[in-house]
Amino acid sequence: MSNSIVEQALRAARADQVNSHQDILAKHQKIAEEFEESLKNQQALQDIHLSLSDYLAAVKLVIDDSFDHEVWVRAEIRSLHSKGGHYYFELAEKDDDDNITASCRATLWRYRANTVLAKFTATTGQKLAAGASILIECSASFHAQYGFSLNISDIDPNYTLGEIAAAYQAMKKRLIDEGLINLNKQLPTPFDIENVIVIAPEQAAGLGDFRAEADRLMRAGACQFHYHHATFQGNHAPSEIRAAITTSLTEFVENHQKLPDILVIIRGGGAVGDLAYLNDYELAALIAECPVPVWVGVGHERDQVILDLVAHTSFDTPSKVVLGIESHLAQITSQAKSTMEYLHKKALDQLYLAKNNSQRHFEKVRLKSLAAIALAKKDTAHELKQFSQTIKHQHSKEKLKTYALMKSIHQHSITQLTHAKHQSTHQLHRHHSVKSRLQVMRDRCAQLQRLILTQHPKHTLQKGYAIIYNDVNQPIKSASMLKADDRVRIQWQDGSVSARIESVHSELF
């Protein structure tokens, strides 16, 4: 805690006029001495049995007697709820590793609640909520049935305001150290804004003002707006806005296969204190790393949130955001119109200059063409005359060559014809000779055919002879091919019989 906060707590304690700081320390010292003295006599109390209610009643007497004064205590609100006008707190203290080192209950009673909370809201611009660091003026209370708690009589808003400012500066420094503070600002503003994603609270007054102008732009076909909603107040606001941003970008890419031109976050209306919910590092980092320019209009004219620092462009109100879009579209339209007029004028100037240049070049080309044609005509006549003379000379030369060649061919042809005639006569004589030999051979073949036909086994059998075959159906041409016990088949004209050789005699007739 800073020295200024300590001084505020001490001043508040001294202002009570009940006990000074020295009186409180002295009283605590006295309690400690009495407790130490009681420990010396503890042996005498070991045999005494007390009921729980009696023992807790004794504890209550000690607490009431020892802590009957009010002190300033620093704590963090873990939870807070209201019932019947009373406010019930769960307070805690954490170490540097965010571990809880102390906790207890506290109560802000109805008769003090309205005054204390009104002062807190007016000073800090926000309502008490879980997660806030507070400096409370309180006294200890102990009940045998409900246990220990603190009774809150006042809350110092300046302490919480300092904590908020410190958290804001720490968040800003972290964004700067991580290179996120100007990351989205480095994205170029799109030349033409065609598709805009809008994140806003549903049914917000500022959204209505925004849509009145946005709908006019949509009807004119100048721009398309895609709306998504999220809560902008309460502890869940940052996470809901982050989810809306992620979901809207994902859906747009899936439906259009491209990113939108810009993403707009507007709040509009609502209490100034609700702006504190938008000072969230994770939300700021997401906007800084957004792939498209983010335009925001969530604050008031004199109030700024961390989103204003990381956004590509920041506006005071939602109406100014849509007017900024309209202004950009009007600017590029004006630029396009001016460019078209400039291009039209330049085109006319270039056409006029080109026309004059073309006429000059055409006249120049025409004169050069006439001169070239006259020169070509003269050269052609000269070349034609030379060509004609060359042709006549070549014709005479080729005519003599052709006559000599024809004479040589005629003589060569006569020689070839004479030789061919002799060859034909010789071949004719050979043909007649071969023809006579072929006739002789034809007669001999016919004679042999008749002889073969007369010697066919069929004719032999018809004369009454028989043919003997061995067991492999081969004709027996000699007795030497047989031996005793061989099986043979004897074939006559009208049938055959099987026989066995009893003996073989090599005798001649």
Protein backbone atom coordinates (compact mmCIF):
# COMPACT_ATOMS: atom_id res chain seq x y z
CA MET A 1 0.00 0.00 0.00
CA SER A 2 1.33 3.47 -0.85
CA ASN A 3 2.27 5.94 1.90
CA SER A 4 -0.65 8.20 0.91
CA ILE A 5 -3.14 5.40 1.57
CA VAL A 6 -1.52 4.66 4.96
CA GLU A 7 -1.73 8.30 5.90
CA GLN A 8 -5.41 8.39 4.87
CA ALA A 9 -6.13 5.36 7.05
CA LEU A 10 -4.30 6.85 10.04
CA ARG A 11 -6.08 10.17 9.62
CA ALA A 12 -9.41 8.39 9.45
CA ALA A 13 -8.58 6.43 12.58
CA ARG A 14 -7.56 9.56 14.49
CA ALA A 15 -10.74 11.34 13.38
CA ASP A 16 -12.87 8.81 15.24
CA GLN A 17 -12.06 10.43 18.63
CA VAL A 18 -12.64 7.06 20.34
CA ASN A 19 -9.09 5.84 20.69
CA SER A 20 -5.86 7.18 19.28
CA HIS A 21 -3.37 4.96 17.52
CA GLN A 22 -1.20 4.93 20.62
CA ASP A 23 -4.19 3.98 22.80
CA ILE A 24 -4.96 1.03 20.48
CA LEU A 25 -1.38 -0.20 20.61
CA ALA A 26 -1.31 0.18 24.36
CA LYS A 27 -4.53 -1.75 24.76
CA HIS A 28 -3.30 -4.58 22.53
CA GLN A 29 -0.11 -4.71 24.57
CA LYS A 30 -2.12 -4.98 27.75
CA ILE A 31 -4.22 -7.84 26.26
CA ALA A 32 -1.05 -9.65 25.27
CA GLU A 33 0.34 -9.29 28.79
CA GLU A 34 -2.89 -10.53 30.35
CA PHE A 35 -2.99 -13.48 27.95
CA GLU A 36 0.61 -14.34 28.84
CA GLU A 37 -0.27 -14.17 32.52
CA SER A 38 -3.26 -16.44 31.92
CA LEU A 39 -0.99 -19.02 30.31
CA LYS A 40 0.98 -19.24 33.54
CA ASN A 41 -2.22 -20.25 35.30
CA GLN A 42 -3.31 -22.63 32.52
CA GLN A 43 -2.35 -25.66 34.60
CA ALA A 44 -5.02 -24.78 37.06
CA LEU A 45 -7.70 -24.70 34.33
CA GLN A 46 -6.88 -28.04 32.75
CA ASP A 47 -9.43 -29.94 34.81
CA ILE A 48 -12.29 -27.51 34.05
CA HIS A 49 -14.81 -28.64 31.39
CA LEU A 50 -16.74 -25.87 29.55
CA SER A 51 -19.71 -26.10 27.21
CA LEU A 52 -19.18 -24.82 23.66
CA SER A 53 -21.59 -21.95 24.21
CA ASP A 54 -19.82 -20.94 27.42
CA TYR A 55 -16.44 -21.09 25.77
CA LEU A 56 -17.59 -19.08 22.72
CA ALA A 57 -19.32 -16.61 25.01
CA ALA A 58 -15.98 -16.11 26.76
CA VAL A 59 -14.30 -15.59 23.38
CA LYS A 60 -16.98 -13.02 22.50
CA LEU A 61 -16.34 -11.16 25.75
CA VAL A 62 -12.62 -11.04 24.99
CA ILE A 63 -13.19 -9.81 21.43
CA ASP A 64 -15.81 -7.28 22.45
CA ASP A 65 -13.56 -6.00 25.21
CA SER A 66 -10.34 -6.01 23.17
CA PHE A 67 -11.65 -4.86 19.75
CA ASP A 68 -14.46 -2.51 20.70
CA HIS A 69 -12.87 0.28 18.59
CA GLU A 70 -13.00 0.86 14.81
CA VAL A 71 -9.90 0.59 12.58
CA TRP A 72 -9.18 0.93 8.84
CA VAL A 73 -8.56 -2.41 7.11
CA ARG A 74 -7.44 -3.14 3.53
CA ALA A 75 -9.04 -6.12 1.75
CA GLU A 76 -10.30 -7.45 -1.56
CA ILE A 77 -13.96 -8.30 -2.15
CA ARG A 78 -14.31 -11.99 -3.03
CA SER A 79 -18.11 -11.91 -3.20
CA LEU A 80 -20.92 -9.47 -2.43
CA HIS A 81 -24.69 -9.83 -2.19
CA SER A 82 -27.56 -7.81 -0.76
CA LYS A 83 -30.61 -8.86 1.21
CA GLY A 84 -33.20 -6.65 2.90
CA GLY A 85 -31.05 -3.57 2.30
CA HIS A 86 -28.07 -5.13 4.10
CA TYR A 87 -24.85 -5.94 2.18
CA TYR A 88 -22.88 -9.09 2.95
CA PHE A 89 -19.20 -9.31 1.95
CA GLU A 90 -16.63 -12.10 1.70
CA LEU A 91 -13.26 -10.36 2.18
CA ALA A 92 -9.79 -11.73 1.54
CA GLU A 93 -6.12 -10.79 1.44
CA LYS A 94 -3.72 -12.31 -1.13
CA ASP A 95 0.03 -12.56 -1.38
CA ASP A 96 2.16 -11.80 -4.45
CA ASP A 97 1.39 -15.26 -5.88
CA ASP A 98 -2.36 -14.59 -5.64
CA ASN A 99 -2.75 -17.05 -2.76
CA ILE A 100 -5.31 -16.16 -0.06
CA THR A 101 -3.56 -15.49 3.23
CA ALA A 102 -6.60 -14.27 5.23
CA SER A 103 -10.39 -14.16 4.82
CA CYS A 104 -13.53 -13.32 6.78
CA ARG A 105 -17.10 -12.13 6.45
CA ALA A 106 -18.20 -8.51 6.74
CA THR A 107 -21.54 -6.74 6.86
CA LEU A 108 -22.63 -3.25 5.83
CA TRP A 109 -25.90 -2.67 7.62
CA ARG A 110 -28.86 -1.00 5.96
CA TYR A 111 -28.82 2.17 8.04
CA ARG A 112 -25.27 2.97 6.77
CA ALA A 113 -25.38 1.30 3.35
CA ASN A 114 -27.13 4.01 1.29
CA THR A 115 -24.82 6.79 2.48
CA VAL A 116 -21.58 4.77 2.15
CA LEU A 117 -22.40 3.29 -1.27
CA ALA A 118 -23.67 6.58 -2.72
CA LYS A 119 -20.43 8.31 -1.71
CA PHE A 120 -18.37 5.46 -3.18
CA THR A 121 -20.20 5.49 -6.55
CA ALA A 122 -20.10 9.28 -6.84
CA THR A 123 -16.34 9.35 -6.22
CA THR A 124 -15.16 6.30 -8.20
CA GLY A 125 -17.78 6.28 -10.94
CA GLN A 126 -18.51 2.60 -10.38
CA LYS A 127 -20.40 0.30 -8.08
CA LEU A 128 -18.90 -2.07 -5.55
CA ALA A 129 -18.31 -5.50 -7.07
CA ALA A 130 -16.30 -8.65 -6.55
CA GLY A 131 -12.61 -8.19 -7.30
CA ALA A 132 -12.43 -4.57 -6.08
CA SER A 133 -9.80 -3.54 -3.55
CA ILE A 134 -11.27 -1.47 -0.69
CA LEU A 135 -10.26 0.29 2.49
CA ILE A 136 -12.98 -0.15 5.12
CA GLU A 137 -13.52 1.32 8.56
CA CYS A 138 -14.78 -1.54 10.69
CA SER A 139 -15.00 -3.18 14.08
CA ALA A 140 -14.75 -6.84 15.08
CA SER A 141 -17.86 -8.83 15.89
CA PHE A 142 -18.20 -12.37 17.21
CA HIS A 143 -21.36 -14.43 17.64
CA ALA A 144 -21.46 -17.84 19.24
CA GLN A 145 -23.68 -19.19 16.46
CA TYR A 146 -22.54 -17.22 13.38
CA GLY A 147 -18.85 -16.87 14.13
CA PHE A 148 -16.46 -13.97 13.47
CA SER A 149 -17.23 -11.07 11.11
CA LEU A 150 -16.57 -7.38 10.61
CA ASN A 151 -19.13 -4.58 10.88
CA ILE A 152 -18.42 -1.96 8.21
CA SER A 153 -19.16 1.65 9.05
CA ASP A 154 -17.43 3.39 6.12
CA ILE A 155 -15.55 2.72 2.84
CA ASP A 156 -12.83 5.06 1.59
CA PRO A 157 -13.52 5.59 -2.17
CA ASN A 158 -10.19 7.36 -2.72
CA TYR A 159 -8.30 4.15 -1.92
CA THR A 160 -10.29 2.17 -4.51
CA LEU A 161 -9.94 5.01 -7.01
CA GLY A 162 -6.17 4.88 -6.55
CA GLU A 163 -6.19 1.11 -7.02
CA ILE A 164 -8.22 1.47 -10.24
CA ALA A 165 -5.85 4.11 -11.56
CA ALA A 166 -2.83 2.00 -10.64
CA ALA A 167 -4.34 -1.05 -12.35
CA TYR A 168 -5.10 1.09 -15.43
CA GLN A 169 -1.54 2.36 -15.62
CA ALA A 170 -0.10 -1.13 -15.06
CA MET A 171 -2.31 -2.48 -17.83
CA LYS A 172 -1.25 0.35 -20.14
CA LYS A 173 2.43 -0.26 -19.37
CA ARG A 174 2.07 -3.98 -20.06
CA LEU A 175 0.45 -3.28 -23.43
CA ILE A 176 3.27 -0.89 -24.30
CA ASP A 177 5.98 -3.33 -23.16
CA GLU A 178 4.44 -6.14 -25.23
CA GLY A 179 4.19 -3.96 -28.35
CA LEU A 180 0.39 -4.10 -28.44
CA ILE A 181 -0.57 -0.50 -27.77
CA ASN A 182 -0.13 0.65 -31.39
CA LEU A 183 -0.44 -2.72 -33.15
CA ASN A 184 -3.97 -2.24 -34.48
CA LYS A 185 -3.27 1.40 -35.34
CA GLN A 186 -0.59 0.22 -37.77
CA LEU A 187 -3.19 -1.48 -39.96
CA PRO A 188 -4.07 0.67 -42.98
CA THR A 189 -7.58 2.09 -43.14
CA PRO A 190 -9.37 0.20 -45.95
CA PHE A 191 -9.88 2.26 -49.09
CA ASP A 192 -13.51 1.24 -49.36
CA ILE A 193 -15.57 0.17 -46.33
CA GLU A 194 -18.04 -2.41 -47.62
CA ASN A 195 -18.62 -4.77 -44.64
CA VAL A 196 -18.64 -3.73 -40.98
CA ILE A 197 -19.06 -6.00 -37.94
CA VAL A 198 -20.74 -4.20 -35.03
CA ILE A 199 -20.42 -5.42 -31.40
CA ALA A 200 -22.87 -3.67 -29.06
CA PRO A 201 -25.20 -4.32 -26.11
CA GLU A 202 -28.59 -5.49 -27.28
CA GLN A 203 -31.34 -2.83 -27.09
CA ALA A 204 -28.79 -0.14 -26.13
CA ALA A 205 -29.83 3.47 -26.76
CA GLY A 206 -26.54 4.20 -28.51
CA LEU A 207 -27.11 1.24 -30.82
CA GLY A 208 -30.40 2.75 -31.94
CA ASP A 209 -28.70 6.04 -32.83
CA PHE A 210 -26.00 4.12 -34.66
CA ARG A 211 -28.46 2.00 -36.65
CA ALA A 212 -30.53 4.99 -37.74
CA GLU A 213 -27.58 6.28 -39.77
CA ALA A 214 -26.22 2.82 -40.63
CA ASP A 215 -29.55 1.70 -42.10
CA ARG A 216 -29.54 4.77 -44.35
CA LEU A 217 -26.10 3.79 -45.65
CA MET A 218 -27.27 0.19 -46.21
CA ARG A 219 -30.34 1.35 -48.16
CA ALA A 220 -28.08 3.45 -50.34
CA GLY A 221 -25.93 0.37 -51.00
CA ALA A 222 -22.87 2.12 -49.58
CA CYS A 223 -22.08 -0.33 -46.79
CA GLN A 224 -23.28 -3.54 -45.10
CA PHE A 225 -23.46 -3.86 -41.29
CA HIS A 226 -23.39 -7.22 -39.44
CA TYR A 227 -24.56 -6.95 -35.80
CA HIS A 228 -23.52 -9.11 -32.81
CA HIS A 229 -24.45 -8.49 -29.18
CA ALA A 230 -22.73 -8.81 -25.79
CA THR A 231 -23.10 -7.48 -22.25
CA PHE A 232 -20.99 -4.37 -21.58
CA GLN A 233 -21.38 -4.18 -17.80
CA GLY A 234 -20.69 -6.59 -14.99
CA ASN A 235 -17.74 -8.90 -14.35
CA HIS A 236 -18.62 -11.11 -17.31
CA ALA A 237 -18.64 -8.23 -19.81
CA PRO A 238 -15.01 -8.61 -21.04
CA SER A 239 -15.33 -12.34 -21.67
CA GLU A 240 -18.68 -11.90 -23.48
CA ILE A 241 -17.26 -9.16 -25.70
CA ARG A 242 -14.19 -11.32 -26.52
CA ALA A 243 -16.47 -14.22 -27.43
CA ALA A 244 -18.62 -11.96 -29.63
CA ILE A 245 -15.54 -10.65 -31.48
CA THR A 246 -14.14 -14.14 -32.12
CA THR A 247 -17.51 -15.60 -33.15
CA SER A 248 -18.40 -12.71 -35.47
CA LEU A 249 -15.05 -12.82 -37.31
CA THR A 250 -15.22 -16.62 -37.67
CA GLU A 251 -18.79 -16.56 -39.01
CA PHE A 252 -18.00 -13.75 -41.46
CA VAL A 253 -14.97 -15.56 -42.88
CA GLU A 254 -16.96 -18.81 -43.23
CA ASN A 255 -19.81 -17.02 -45.05
CA HIS A 256 -17.79 -14.63 -47.23
CA GLN A 257 -14.32 -16.29 -47.51
CA LYS A 258 -12.69 -12.99 -46.55
CA LEU A 259 -12.26 -10.64 -43.57
CA PRO A 260 -14.57 -7.67 -42.95
CA ASP A 261 -13.22 -4.19 -43.64
CA ILE A 262 -13.51 -2.92 -40.04
CA LEU A 263 -14.86 -4.09 -36.66
CA VAL A 264 -16.86 -1.57 -34.59
CA ILE A 265 -17.36 -1.77 -30.80
CA ILE A 266 -19.98 0.65 -29.44
CA ARG A 267 -21.59 1.01 -26.05
CA GLY A 268 -23.68 4.16 -25.95
CA GLY A 269 -25.67 5.20 -22.94
CA GLY A 270 -25.27 3.69 -19.48
CA ALA A 271 -23.52 4.90 -16.35
CA VAL A 272 -20.00 6.27 -16.48
CA GLY A 273 -19.01 3.79 -13.77
CA ASP A 274 -19.78 0.87 -16.07
CA LEU A 275 -16.83 1.89 -18.24
CA ALA A 276 -14.49 0.31 -15.68
CA TYR A 277 -15.61 -3.16 -16.77
CA LEU A 278 -14.03 -2.50 -20.17
CA ASN A 279 -10.56 -1.97 -18.66
CA ASP A 280 -9.58 -5.58 -19.23
CA TYR A 281 -6.16 -6.65 -20.48
CA GLU A 282 -7.31 -9.77 -22.35
CA LEU A 283 -9.97 -7.79 -24.20
CA ALA A 284 -7.49 -5.02 -25.02
CA ALA A 285 -4.92 -7.54 -26.28
CA LEU A 286 -7.54 -9.22 -28.50
CA ILE A 287 -8.49 -5.89 -30.05
CA ALA A 288 -4.83 -4.96 -30.54
CA GLU A 289 -4.17 -8.25 -32.37
CA CYS A 290 -7.37 -8.12 -34.42
CA PRO A 291 -6.56 -8.65 -38.14
CA VAL A 292 -8.83 -5.75 -39.19
CA PRO A 293 -8.99 -2.13 -37.97
CA VAL A 294 -11.12 -1.76 -34.82
CA TRP A 295 -13.15 1.44 -34.34
CA VAL A 296 -14.59 2.01 -30.86
CA GLY A 297 -17.17 4.35 -29.42
CA VAL A 298 -17.64 3.21 -25.81
CA GLY A 299 -16.74 6.23 -23.67
CA HIS A 300 -17.96 9.67 -22.85
CA GLU A 301 -16.34 12.91 -23.94
CA ARG A 302 -14.22 13.22 -20.77
CA ASP A 303 -13.71 9.50 -20.02
CA GLN A 304 -11.34 7.06 -21.67
CA VAL A 305 -10.96 3.30 -21.29
CA ILE A 306 -8.09 1.03 -22.24
CA LEU A 307 -9.92 0.06 -25.44
CA ASP A 308 -9.53 3.64 -26.69
CA LEU A 309 -5.76 3.28 -26.41
CA VAL A 310 -5.39 0.05 -28.41
CA ALA A 311 -8.11 0.61 -31.02
CA HIS A 312 -7.29 1.73 -34.54
CA THR A 313 -9.65 4.73 -34.22
CA SER A 314 -11.54 5.98 -31.13
CA PHE A 315 -14.72 8.10 -31.03
CA ASP A 316 -16.68 9.66 -28.17
CA THR A 317 -20.06 8.16 -29.07
CA PRO A 318 -21.57 5.48 -31.36
CA SER A 319 -23.10 8.22 -33.53
CA LYS A 320 -19.65 9.63 -34.22
CA VAL A 321 -18.43 6.16 -35.25
CA VAL A 322 -21.05 5.78 -37.97
CA LEU A 323 -20.50 9.39 -39.00
CA GLY A 324 -16.80 8.55 -39.29
CA ILE A 325 -17.69 5.67 -41.64
CA GLU A 326 -19.97 7.95 -43.63
CA SER A 327 -17.29 10.63 -43.76
CA HIS A 328 -14.72 8.12 -45.01
CA LEU A 329 -17.10 6.87 -47.70
CA ALA A 330 -17.91 10.45 -48.71
CA GLN A 331 -14.21 11.27 -48.83
CA ILE A 332 -13.28 8.34 -51.07
CA THR A 333 -16.33 9.08 -53.23
CA SER A 334 -15.20 12.68 -53.58
CA GLN A 335 -11.66 11.54 -54.31
CA ALA A 336 -12.94 9.09 -56.89
CA LYS A 337 -15.07 11.79 -58.52
CA SER A 338 -12.15 14.22 -58.58
CA THR A 339 -9.90 11.52 -59.96
CA MET A 340 -12.43 10.67 -62.67
CA GLU A 341 -12.75 14.34 -63.65
CA TYR A 342 -8.97 14.66 -63.72
CA LEU A 343 -8.61 11.50 -65.78
CA HIS A 344 -11.36 12.66 -68.16
CA LYS A 345 -9.63 16.00 -68.71
CA LYS A 346 -6.25 14.33 -69.13
CA ALA A 347 -7.78 11.87 -71.58
CA LEU A 348 -9.28 14.67 -73.67
CA ASP A 349 -5.96 16.52 -73.67
CA GLN A 350 -4.12 13.37 -74.65
CA LEU A 351 -6.64 12.60 -77.40
CA TYR A 352 -6.35 16.13 -78.84
CA LEU A 353 -2.56 15.95 -78.70
CA ALA A 354 -2.58 12.48 -80.21
CA LYS A 355 -4.91 13.62 -83.00
CA ASN A 356 -2.60 16.52 -83.93
CA ASN A 357 0.45 14.29 -83.74
CA SER A 358 -1.30 11.66 -85.84
CA GLN A 359 -2.15 14.19 -88.55
CA ARG A 360 1.44 15.45 -88.67
CA HIS A 361 2.80 11.92 -88.76
CA PHE A 362 0.27 10.92 -91.42
CA GLU A 363 1.31 13.80 -93.71
CA LYS A 364 4.95 13.03 -93.10
CA VAL A 365 4.39 9.35 -93.84
CA ARG A 366 2.37 10.20 -96.99
CA LEU A 367 5.15 12.38 -98.42
CA LYS A 368 7.81 9.83 -97.56
CA SER A 369 5.64 7.11 -99.09
CA LEU A 370 5.25 9.02 -102.37
CA ALA A 371 9.00 9.60 -102.58
CA ALA A 372 9.67 5.97 -101.73
CA ILE A 373 7.17 4.79 -104.36
CA ALA A 374 8.75 6.98 -107.09
CA LEU A 375 12.22 5.72 -106.18
CA ALA A 376 10.98 2.12 -106.02
CA LYS A 377 9.31 2.52 -109.43
CA LYS A 378 12.55 3.78 -110.96
CA ASP A 379 14.57 1.00 -109.33
CA THR A 380 12.00 -1.56 -110.43
CA ALA A 381 12.18 -0.45 -114.06
CA HIS A 382 15.96 -0.67 -113.96
CA GLU A 383 15.89 -4.07 -112.28
CA LEU A 384 13.24 -5.30 -114.74
CA LYS A 385 15.40 -4.30 -117.73
CA GLN A 386 18.43 -6.05 -116.28
CA PHE A 387 16.34 -9.08 -115.41
CA SER A 388 14.94 -9.26 -118.95
CA GLN A 389 18.42 -9.19 -120.48
CA THR A 390 19.63 -11.82 -118.04
CA ILE A 391 16.64 -14.03 -118.86
CA LYS A 392 17.30 -13.82 -122.58
CA HIS A 393 20.94 -14.75 -122.09
CA GLN A 394 20.06 -17.61 -119.76
CA HIS A 395 17.37 -18.80 -122.20
CA SER A 396 19.84 -19.04 -125.08
CA LYS A 397 22.37 -20.78 -122.90
CA GLU A 398 19.86 -23.26 -121.56
CA LYS A 399 18.47 -23.89 -125.08
CA LEU A 400 21.92 -25.00 -126.31
CA LYS A 401 22.36 -27.20 -123.25
CA THR A 402 18.94 -28.75 -123.80
CA TYR A 403 19.65 -29.52 -127.48
CA ALA A 404 22.98 -31.19 -126.64
CA LEU A 405 21.34 -33.16 -123.83
CA MET A 406 18.49 -34.36 -126.05
CA LYS A 407 20.97 -35.50 -128.72
CA SER A 408 22.97 -37.42 -126.14
CA ILE A 409 19.82 -39.00 -124.73
CA HIS A 410 18.66 -40.03 -128.25
CA GLN A 411 21.93 -41.77 -129.00
CA HIS A 412 22.00 -43.46 -125.60
CA SER A 413 18.41 -44.61 -126.09
CA ILE A 414 19.19 -46.21 -129.48
CA THR A 415 22.12 -48.08 -127.92
CA GLN A 416 19.96 -49.28 -125.03
CA LEU A 417 17.17 -50.41 -127.39
CA THR A 418 19.61 -52.38 -129.57
CA HIS A 419 21.06 -54.08 -126.51
CA ALA A 420 17.59 -54.83 -125.16
CA LYS A 421 16.55 -56.31 -128.51
CA HIS A 422 19.53 -58.70 -128.49
CA GLN A 423 18.76 -59.64 -124.93
CA SER A 424 15.09 -60.29 -125.73
CA THR A 425 16.02 -62.55 -128.72
CA HIS A 426 18.42 -64.52 -126.51
CA GLN A 427 15.82 -64.91 -123.78
CA LEU A 428 13.22 -66.03 -126.33
CA HIS A 429 15.53 -68.79 -127.60
CA ARG A 430 16.12 -69.92 -124.01
CA HIS A 431 12.39 -69.88 -123.40
CA HIS A 432 11.73 -72.23 -126.35
CA SER A 433 14.49 -74.56 -125.12
CA VAL A 434 13.09 -74.66 -121.60
CA LYS A 435 9.58 -75.23 -122.93
CA SER A 436 10.72 -78.38 -124.83
CA ARG A 437 12.43 -79.77 -121.73
CA LEU A 438 9.37 -79.09 -119.61
CA GLN A 439 7.21 -81.03 -122.08
CA VAL A 440 9.56 -84.04 -121.89
CA MET A 441 9.53 -83.97 -118.10
CA ARG A 442 5.71 -83.69 -118.04
CA ASP A 443 5.49 -86.89 -120.17
CA ARG A 444 7.89 -88.76 -117.87
CA CYS A 445 5.94 -87.69 -114.77
CA ALA A 446 2.71 -88.97 -116.28
CA GLN A 447 4.38 -92.32 -117.06
CA LEU A 448 5.71 -92.61 -113.52
CA GLN A 449 2.29 -91.76 -112.12
CA ARG A 450 0.68 -94.58 -114.09
CA LEU A 451 3.43 -96.97 -112.97
CA ILE A 452 2.95 -96.00 -109.33
CA LEU A 453 -0.77 -96.46 -109.52
CA THR A 454 -0.35 -99.96 -111.01
CA GLN A 455 2.02 -100.91 -108.14
CA HIS A 456 -0.39 -99.78 -105.37
CA PRO A 457 -0.95 -102.52 -102.69
CA LYS A 458 -4.67 -102.42 -103.46
CA HIS A 459 -4.06 -103.68 -107.00
CA THR A 460 -1.71 -106.38 -105.62
CA LEU A 461 -4.40 -107.65 -103.29
CA GLN A 462 -6.98 -107.65 -106.10
CA LYS A 463 -4.72 -110.13 -107.97
CA GLY A 464 -5.01 -112.65 -105.07
CA TYR A 465 -1.85 -111.80 -103.20
CA ALA A 466 -1.60 -111.08 -99.44
CA ILE A 467 0.47 -108.63 -97.35
CA ILE A 468 2.00 -109.64 -94.02
CA TYR A 469 2.37 -107.01 -91.19
CA ASN A 470 4.27 -107.34 -87.90
CA ASP A 471 2.83 -106.43 -84.51
CA VAL A 472 3.68 -102.73 -85.06
CA ASN A 473 1.77 -102.74 -88.37
CA GLN A 474 4.87 -102.62 -90.57
CA PRO A 475 4.92 -104.65 -93.85
CA ILE A 476 7.23 -107.72 -93.75
CA LYS A 477 9.52 -107.41 -96.74
CA SER A 478 11.89 -110.26 -95.85
CA ALA A 479 11.91 -113.47 -93.80
CA SER A 480 14.88 -112.11 -91.96
CA MET A 481 12.51 -109.60 -90.30
CA LEU A 482 10.74 -112.46 -88.48
CA LYS A 483 11.62 -115.00 -85.82
CA ALA A 484 9.84 -117.79 -84.06
CA ASP A 485 6.82 -116.83 -81.89
CA ASP A 486 6.41 -113.43 -83.57
CA ARG A 487 2.81 -112.34 -84.02
CA VAL A 488 1.86 -111.28 -87.57
CA ARG A 489 -1.26 -110.12 -89.43
CA ILE A 490 -1.98 -111.41 -92.95
CA GLN A 491 -4.04 -109.02 -95.08
CA TRP A 492 -6.07 -110.16 -98.14
CA GLN A 493 -8.42 -108.16 -100.29
CA ASP A 494 -11.47 -109.24 -98.37
CA GLY A 495 -10.08 -109.49 -94.82
CA SER A 496 -7.18 -110.37 -92.52
CA VAL A 497 -6.09 -113.01 -89.99
CA SER A 498 -3.63 -113.10 -87.11
CA ALA A 499 -0.96 -115.82 -86.94
CA ARG A 500 2.09 -116.84 -84.91
CA ILE A 501 5.40 -117.79 -86.53
CA GLU A 502 6.46 -121.28 -85.54
CA SER A 503 9.75 -121.26 -87.34
CA VAL A 504 11.65 -119.28 -89.97
CA HIS A 505 13.48 -121.03 -92.90
CA SER A 506 15.89 -119.16 -95.07
CA GLU A 507 15.33 -121.07 -98.31
CA LEU A 508 15.03 -119.83 -101.89
CA PHE A 509 12.55 -121.13 -104.48
